[in-house]
C-alpha atoms as a PDB file:
ATOM      1  CA  MET A   1     104.409  89.566  92.317  1.00  0.00           C
ATOM      2  CA  PRO A   2     107.516  88.430  94.122  1.00  0.00           C
ATOM      3  CA  ASP A   3     106.978  85.748  96.919  1.00  0.00           C
ATOM      4  CA  ARG A   4     108.460  87.911  99.685  1.00  0.00           C
ATOM      5  CA  SER A   5     105.856  90.742  99.283  1.00  0.00           C
ATOM      6  CA  ARG A   6     102.690  88.575  98.483  1.00  0.00           C
ATOM      7  CA  LEU A   7     100.357  88.503 101.474  1.00  0.00           C
ATOM      8  CA  LYS A   8      99.618  84.838 102.303  1.00  0.00           C
ATOM      9  CA  ARG A   9      97.541  85.318 105.526  1.00  0.00           C
ATOM     10  CA  ILE A  10      94.123  86.658 104.762  1.00  0.00           C
ATOM     11  CA  PRO A  11      95.205  87.939 101.199  1.00  0.00           C
ATOM     12  CA  ASP A  12      91.845  89.833 100.726  1.00  0.00           C
ATOM     13  CA  ARG A  13      93.345  92.320 103.243  1.00  0.00           C
ATOM     14  CA  ALA A  14      96.135  93.129 100.876  1.00  0.00           C
ATOM     15  CA  SER A  15      96.749  96.107  98.691  1.00  0.00           C
ATOM     16  CA  TYR A  16      99.849  96.581  96.412  1.00  0.00           C
ATOM     17  CA  GLU A  17      98.670  99.993  95.104  1.00  0.00           C
ATOM     18  CA  PRO A  18     101.346 102.694  95.268  1.00  0.00           C
ATOM     19  CA  ALA A  19      98.855 105.221  96.334  1.00  0.00           C
ATOM     20  CA  ASP A  20      97.792 103.155  99.363  1.00  0.00           C
ATOM     21  CA  VAL A  21     101.435 102.755 100.393  1.00  0.00           C
ATOM     22  CA  HIS A  22     102.050 106.417 100.031  1.00  0.00           C
ATOM     23  CA  ALA A  23      99.056 107.345 102.040  1.00  0.00           C
ATOM     24  CA  ILE A  24     100.129 105.156 105.034  1.00  0.00           C
ATOM     25  CA  LEU A  25     103.725 106.520 104.896  1.00  0.00           C
ATOM     26  CA  ASP A  26     102.477 110.004 104.735  1.00  0.00           C
ATOM     27  CA  GLU A  27     100.248 109.667 107.772  1.00  0.00           C
ATOM     28  CA  ALA A  28     102.561 107.665 110.045  1.00  0.00           C
ATOM     29  CA  PRO A  29     104.839 109.771 112.360  1.00  0.00           C
ATOM     30  CA  ILE A  30     107.547 107.047 112.514  1.00  0.00           C
ATOM     31  CA  CYS A  31     108.656 104.028 110.634  1.00  0.00           C
ATOM     32  CA  HIS A  32     110.775 100.763 111.768  1.00  0.00           C
ATOM     33  CA  VAL A  33     113.732 100.042 109.534  1.00  0.00           C
ATOM     34  CA  GLY A  34     114.989  96.474 109.461  1.00  0.00           C
ATOM     35  CA  PHE A  35     118.499  95.544 108.315  1.00  0.00           C
ATOM     36  CA  GLN A  36     121.174  93.043 108.949  1.00  0.00           C
ATOM     37  CA  VAL A  37     124.961  93.528 109.650  1.00  0.00           C
ATOM     38  CA  GLY A  38     126.790  90.158 109.450  1.00  0.00           C
ATOM     39  CA  SER A  39     124.659  87.644 111.199  1.00  0.00           C
ATOM     40  CA  GLN A  40     122.891  90.103 113.535  1.00  0.00           C
ATOM     41  CA  PRO A  41     119.470  91.663 112.492  1.00  0.00           C
ATOM     42  CA  PHE A  42     118.362  95.094 113.777  1.00  0.00           C
ATOM     43  CA  VAL A  43     115.132  97.024 113.789  1.00  0.00           C
ATOM     44  CA  ILE A  44     115.318 100.764 114.464  1.00  0.00           C
ATOM     45  CA  PRO A  45     112.425 103.171 115.030  1.00  0.00           C
ATOM     46  CA  THR A  46     113.012 106.594 113.266  1.00  0.00           C
ATOM     47  CA  ILE A  47     111.245 109.406 111.648  1.00  0.00           C
ATOM     48  CA  HIS A  48     110.850 109.378 107.976  1.00  0.00           C
ATOM     49  CA  ALA A  49     109.433 111.346 105.082  1.00  0.00           C
ATOM     50  CA  ARG A  50     108.353 110.458 101.467  1.00  0.00           C
ATOM     51  CA  MET A  51     109.722 112.081  98.258  1.00  0.00           C
ATOM     52  CA  GLY A  52     108.003 110.483  95.337  1.00  0.00           C
ATOM     53  CA  ASN A  53     108.567 106.768  95.394  1.00  0.00           C
ATOM     54  CA  GLU A  54     111.346 106.862  97.921  1.00  0.00           C
ATOM     55  CA  VAL A  55     111.391 106.959 101.764  1.00  0.00           C
ATOM     56  CA  ILE A  56     113.698 109.525 103.371  1.00  0.00           C
ATOM     57  CA  LEU A  57     115.690 108.639 106.381  1.00  0.00           C
ATOM     58  CA  HIS A  58     118.141 110.991 108.163  1.00  0.00           C
ATOM     59  CA  GLY A  59     120.450 111.057 111.190  1.00  0.00           C
ATOM     60  CA  ALA A  60     123.954 111.342 112.399  1.00  0.00           C
ATOM     61  CA  LYS A  61     126.758 110.226 110.070  1.00  0.00           C
ATOM     62  CA  ALA A  62     127.842 107.863 112.861  1.00  0.00           C
ATOM     63  CA  SER A  63     124.499 105.938 112.739  1.00  0.00           C
ATOM     64  CA  ARG A  64     125.073 102.287 112.117  1.00  0.00           C
ATOM     65  CA  LEU A  65     121.776 102.223 110.258  1.00  0.00           C
ATOM     66  CA  LEU A  66     122.686 105.059 107.825  1.00  0.00           C
ATOM     67  CA  LYS A  67     126.112 103.913 107.189  1.00  0.00           C
ATOM     68  CA  HIS A  68     124.740 100.473 106.335  1.00  0.00           C
ATOM     69  CA  ALA A  69     121.911 101.831 104.143  1.00  0.00           C
ATOM     70  CA  ALA A  70     124.532 104.097 102.152  1.00  0.00           C
ATOM     71  CA  THR A  71     126.159 100.943 100.855  1.00  0.00           C
ATOM     72  CA  GLY A  72     122.948  99.998  98.903  1.00  0.00           C
ATOM     73  CA  ALA A  73     122.228  96.933 101.152  1.00  0.00           C
ATOM     74  CA  PRO A  74     118.666  95.722 101.311  1.00  0.00           C
ATOM     75  CA  LEU A  75     116.242  97.278 103.823  1.00  0.00           C
ATOM     76  CA  THR A  76     112.707  96.513 105.046  1.00  0.00           C
ATOM     77  CA  ILE A  77     110.633  99.350 106.351  1.00  0.00           C
ATOM     78  CA  ALA A  78     107.469  98.708 108.313  1.00  0.00           C
ATOM     79  CA  VAL A  79     104.780 101.294 109.225  1.00  0.00           C
ATOM     80  CA  THR A  80     101.471 100.704 111.240  1.00  0.00           C
ATOM     81  CA  LEU A  81      98.686 102.923 111.951  1.00  0.00           C
ATOM     82  CA  LEU A  82      96.265 101.726 114.770  1.00  0.00           C
ATOM     83  CA  ASP A  83      92.711 102.623 114.451  1.00  0.00           C
ATOM     84  CA  ALA A  84      90.670 100.564 116.966  1.00  0.00           C
ATOM     85  CA  LEU A  85      90.669  97.642 119.359  1.00  0.00           C
ATOM     86  CA  VAL A  86      88.268  94.948 118.099  1.00  0.00           C
ATOM     87  CA  LEU A  87      86.587  93.317 121.050  1.00  0.00           C
ATOM     88  CA  ALA A  88      84.913  90.129 120.211  1.00  0.00           C
ATOM     89  CA  ARG A  89      82.759  87.898 122.476  1.00  0.00           C
ATOM     90  CA  SER A  90      85.593  85.318 122.586  1.00  0.00           C
ATOM     91  CA  VAL A  91      89.317  86.055 123.453  1.00  0.00           C
ATOM     92  CA  PHE A  92      90.214  84.273 120.393  1.00  0.00           C
ATOM     93  CA  HIS A  93      88.557  86.574 117.939  1.00  0.00           C
ATOM     94  CA  HIS A  94      89.934  89.804 119.504  1.00  0.00           C
ATOM     95  CA  SER A  95      91.855  91.910 116.966  1.00  0.00           C
ATOM     96  CA  MET A  96      92.657  95.405 115.929  1.00  0.00           C
ATOM     97  CA  ASN A  97      91.732  97.631 113.059  1.00  0.00           C
ATOM     98  CA  TYR A  98      94.763  98.936 111.518  1.00  0.00           C
ATOM     99  CA  ARG A  99      96.510 100.041 108.254  1.00  0.00           C
ATOM    100  CA  SER A 100     100.009  98.865 107.730  1.00  0.00           C
ATOM    101  CA  ALA A 101     102.747  98.760 104.927  1.00  0.00           C
ATOM    102  CA  VAL A 102     105.824  96.643 104.565  1.00  0.00           C
ATOM    103  CA  ILE A 103     108.384  98.026 102.059  1.00  0.00           C
ATOM    104  CA  PHE A 104     111.479  96.297 100.446  1.00  0.00           C
ATOM    105  CA  GLY A 105     114.065  98.518  98.906  1.00  0.00           C
ATOM    106  CA  THR A 106     117.718  99.753  98.942  1.00  0.00           C
ATOM    107  CA  GLY A 107     119.255 102.973 100.080  1.00  0.00           C
ATOM    108  CA  ARG A 108     121.360 105.568  98.420  1.00  0.00           C
ATOM    109  CA  LEU A 109     123.204 108.638 100.040  1.00  0.00           C
ATOM    110  CA  LEU A 110     121.824 111.979  99.097  1.00  0.00           C
ATOM    111  CA  GLU A 111     124.293 114.869  98.436  1.00  0.00           C
ATOM    112  CA  GLY A 112     124.089 118.633  97.767  1.00  0.00           C
ATOM    113  CA  ASP A 113     120.872 120.119  96.998  1.00  0.00           C
ATOM    114  CA  GLU A 114     119.003 116.749  96.994  1.00  0.00           C
ATOM    115  CA  LYS A 115     120.279 116.120 100.496  1.00  0.00           C
ATOM    116  CA  MET A 116     118.971 119.571 101.616  1.00  0.00           C
ATOM    117  CA  GLU A 117     115.640 118.743 100.090  1.00  0.00           C
ATOM    118  CA  GLY A 118     115.526 115.455 101.891  1.00  0.00           C
ATOM    119  CA  MET A 119     116.232 117.201 105.226  1.00  0.00           C
ATOM    120  CA  ARG A 120     113.363 119.611 104.537  1.00  0.00           C
ATOM    121  CA  ALA A 121     111.066 116.782 103.673  1.00  0.00           C
ATOM    122  CA  VAL A 122     111.714 115.108 107.105  1.00  0.00           C
ATOM    123  CA  SER A 123     111.171 118.505 108.832  1.00  0.00           C
ATOM    124  CA  GLU A 124     107.912 118.987 106.927  1.00  0.00           C
ATOM    125  CA  HIS A 125     106.784 115.496 107.746  1.00  0.00           C
ATOM    126  CA  LEU A 126     107.443 116.169 111.430  1.00  0.00           C
ATOM    127  CA  LEU A 127     105.382 119.408 111.296  1.00  0.00           C
ATOM    128  CA  ALA A 128     104.373 121.189 108.162  1.00  0.00           C
ATOM    129  CA  GLY A 129     105.511 124.960 108.178  1.00  0.00           C
ATOM    130  CA  ARG A 130     108.319 124.273 110.624  1.00  0.00           C
ATOM    131  CA  TRP A 131     111.180 124.316 108.137  1.00  0.00           C
ATOM    132  CA  ASP A 132     110.515 127.957 106.833  1.00  0.00           C
ATOM    133  CA  ASP A 133     110.125 129.155 110.418  1.00  0.00           C
ATOM    134  CA  ALA A 134     113.022 127.759 112.402  1.00  0.00           C
ATOM    135  CA  ARG A 135     116.692 128.254 111.638  1.00  0.00           C
ATOM    136  CA  GLY A 136     117.880 125.979 108.914  1.00  0.00           C
ATOM    137  CA  PRO A 137     120.843 123.637 109.291  1.00  0.00           C
ATOM    138  CA  SER A 138     124.373 125.277 109.610  1.00  0.00           C
ATOM    139  CA  LYS A 139     127.275 124.092 107.319  1.00  0.00           C
ATOM    140  CA  LYS A 140     128.545 122.072 110.273  1.00  0.00           C
ATOM    141  CA  GLU A 141     125.142 120.545 111.057  1.00  0.00           C
ATOM    142  CA  PHE A 142     124.673 119.646 107.405  1.00  0.00           C
ATOM    143  CA  ASN A 143     127.859 118.015 107.150  1.00  0.00           C
ATOM    144  CA  ALA A 144     127.306 115.944 110.306  1.00  0.00           C
ATOM    145  CA  THR A 145     123.961 114.576 108.876  1.00  0.00           C
ATOM    146  CA  SER A 146     123.397 111.687 106.507  1.00  0.00           C
ATOM    147  CA  VAL A 147     120.414 111.608 104.376  1.00  0.00           C
ATOM    148  CA  ILE A 148     119.340 108.324 102.712  1.00  0.00           C
ATOM    149  CA  ALA A 149     116.563 107.704 100.079  1.00  0.00           C
ATOM    150  CA  VAL A 150     115.148 104.196 100.092  1.00  0.00           C
ATOM    151  CA  SER A 151     113.709 103.073  96.905  1.00  0.00           C
ATOM    152  CA  ILE A 152     110.160 101.431  97.162  1.00  0.00           C
ATOM    153  CA  ASP A 153     110.875  98.424  95.045  1.00  0.00           C
ATOM    154  CA  GLU A 154     108.346  96.190  96.462  1.00  0.00           C
ATOM    155  CA  ALA A 155     105.482  97.074  99.056  1.00  0.00           C
ATOM    156  CA  THR A 156     102.460  95.419 100.621  1.00  0.00           C
ATOM    157  CA  CYS A 157      99.695  97.073 102.542  1.00  0.00           C
ATOM    158  CA  LYS A 158      97.472  95.145 104.959  1.00  0.00           C
ATOM    159  CA  SER A 159      94.497  96.481 106.706  1.00  0.00           C
ATOM    160  CA  ARG A 160      91.458  95.576 108.727  1.00  0.00           C
ATOM    161  CA  SER A 161      88.382  97.421 109.382  1.00  0.00           C
ATOM    162  CA  GLY A 162      84.856  96.691 110.710  1.00  0.00           C
ATOM    163  CA  PRO A 163      83.325  94.977 113.660  1.00  0.00           C
ATOM    164  CA  PRO A 164      84.401  91.705 115.198  1.00  0.00           C
ATOM    165  CA  GLY A 165      83.696  88.380 113.743  1.00  0.00           C
ATOM    166  CA  ASP A 166      82.442  85.787 116.278  1.00  0.00           C
ATOM    167  CA  GLU A 167      81.526  82.241 116.126  1.00  0.00           C
ATOM    168  CA  GLU A 168      77.795  81.854 115.521  1.00  0.00           C
ATOM    169  CA  GLU A 169      77.208  80.199 118.783  1.00  0.00           C
ATOM    170  CA  ASP A 170      79.038  83.055 120.665  1.00  0.00           C
ATOM    171  CA  TYR A 171      76.500  85.704 119.656  1.00  0.00           C
ATOM    172  CA  ALA A 172      74.217  84.465 122.436  1.00  0.00           C
ATOM    173  CA  LEU A 173      76.670  85.176 124.997  1.00  0.00           C
ATOM    174  CA  PRO A 174      75.990  88.245 127.322  1.00  0.00           C
ATOM    175  CA  VAL A 175      79.334  89.777 126.544  1.00  0.00           C
ATOM    176  CA  TRP A 176      79.783  93.297 125.266  1.00  0.00           C
ATOM    177  CA  ALA A 177      81.401  93.305 121.761  1.00  0.00           C
ATOM    178  CA  GLY A 178      82.348  96.050 119.384  1.00  0.00           C
ATOM    179  CA  LEU A 179      85.064  98.585 118.611  1.00  0.00           C
ATOM    180  CA  LEU A 180      87.166 100.807 120.819  1.00  0.00           C
ATOM    181  CA  PRO A 181      88.236 103.575 118.458  1.00  0.00           C
ATOM    182  CA  LEU A 182      91.787 105.006 118.780  1.00  0.00           C
ATOM    183  CA  GLN A 183      92.710 108.644 117.828  1.00  0.00           C
ATOM    184  CA  GLN A 184      96.085 110.163 118.077  1.00  0.00           C
ATOM    185  CA  VAL A 185      95.484 113.833 118.918  1.00  0.00           C
ATOM    186  CA  TRP A 186      98.132 116.609 119.688  1.00  0.00           C
ATOM    187  CA  GLY A 187      97.884 118.260 123.006  1.00  0.00           C
ATOM    188  CA  PRO A 188      97.981 122.175 123.418  1.00  0.00           C
ATOM    189  CA  PRO A 189     101.456 123.660 122.562  1.00  0.00           C
ATOM    190  CA  GLU A 190     103.691 124.176 125.742  1.00  0.00           C
ATOM    191  CA  ALA A 191     106.062 127.109 125.245  1.00  0.00           C
ATOM    192  CA  ASP A 192     109.765 126.592 126.299  1.00  0.00           C
ATOM    193  CA  PRO A 193     110.051 128.402 129.712  1.00  0.00           C
ATOM    194  CA  GLY A 194     113.394 129.786 128.711  1.00  0.00           C
ATOM    195  CA  ARG A 195     114.330 132.874 126.724  1.00  0.00           C
ATOM    196  CA  HIS A 196     111.633 134.521 124.566  1.00  0.00           C
ATOM    197  CA  ALA A 197     108.827 132.487 125.942  1.00  0.00           C
ATOM    198  CA  ASP A 198     106.510 135.299 124.882  1.00  0.00           C
ATOM    199  CA  VAL A 199     106.978 134.702 121.151  1.00  0.00           C
ATOM    200  CA  ASP A 200     103.689 134.397 119.430  1.00  0.00           C
ATOM    201  CA  LEU A 201     102.430 130.903 118.484  1.00  0.00           C
ATOM    202  CA  PRO A 202     102.821 130.417 114.772  1.00  0.00           C
ATOM    203  CA  ASP A 203      99.748 129.808 112.766  1.00  0.00           C
ATOM    204  CA  TYR A 204     100.899 126.292 111.686  1.00  0.00           C
ATOM    205  CA  LEU A 205     100.867 125.385 115.472  1.00  0.00           C
ATOM    206  CA  LYS A 206      97.444 126.875 116.030  1.00  0.00           C
ATOM    207  CA  ASP A 207      96.112 124.335 113.876  1.00  0.00           C
ATOM    208  CA  HIS A 208      97.361 121.578 116.236  1.00  0.00           C
ATOM    209  CA  ALA A 209      96.130 123.453 119.362  1.00  0.00           C
END
């Protein structure tokens, strides 16, 4: 295990299993991509998708991130899912329940059919069923977009679950302690008030309503 991806702080919370990495990537709506140009580091939030053991990124060809990623330069991708606030009896022991992954890899530029498949994957990650319903990219839009596949060369998952852990003497304090669970829930769809606002809601959106 390379040192850069070995979890040193509370190592029993780590997982290096590809299935765990993939599950977190698939559930998270966005990721954060870290890269360095010259002496300046950057971190960019962006939508992503997963195809096999690669993370798919896409955006305008003028994007600094995508131009840099296309060179094969090293990238770091971070994804976090927050499940609950952990409220302890002492401020020191407050925490969060979460699932996270940090990925090390390099990018490659996708072309042709593979590029189109990457665009589809990102659309389906955003909302399954949308790609087949909405208009696909025009030739101009296709050519104006870069799609990058980032290899998952190394990855570390870290997670926490369960109740707070307090100092033994603090259990006698009259302070409420426990979990405040967090759920991310889609609201009811709101139709564009412009033209054709009377189009029926598609079934794949009814599942979110």
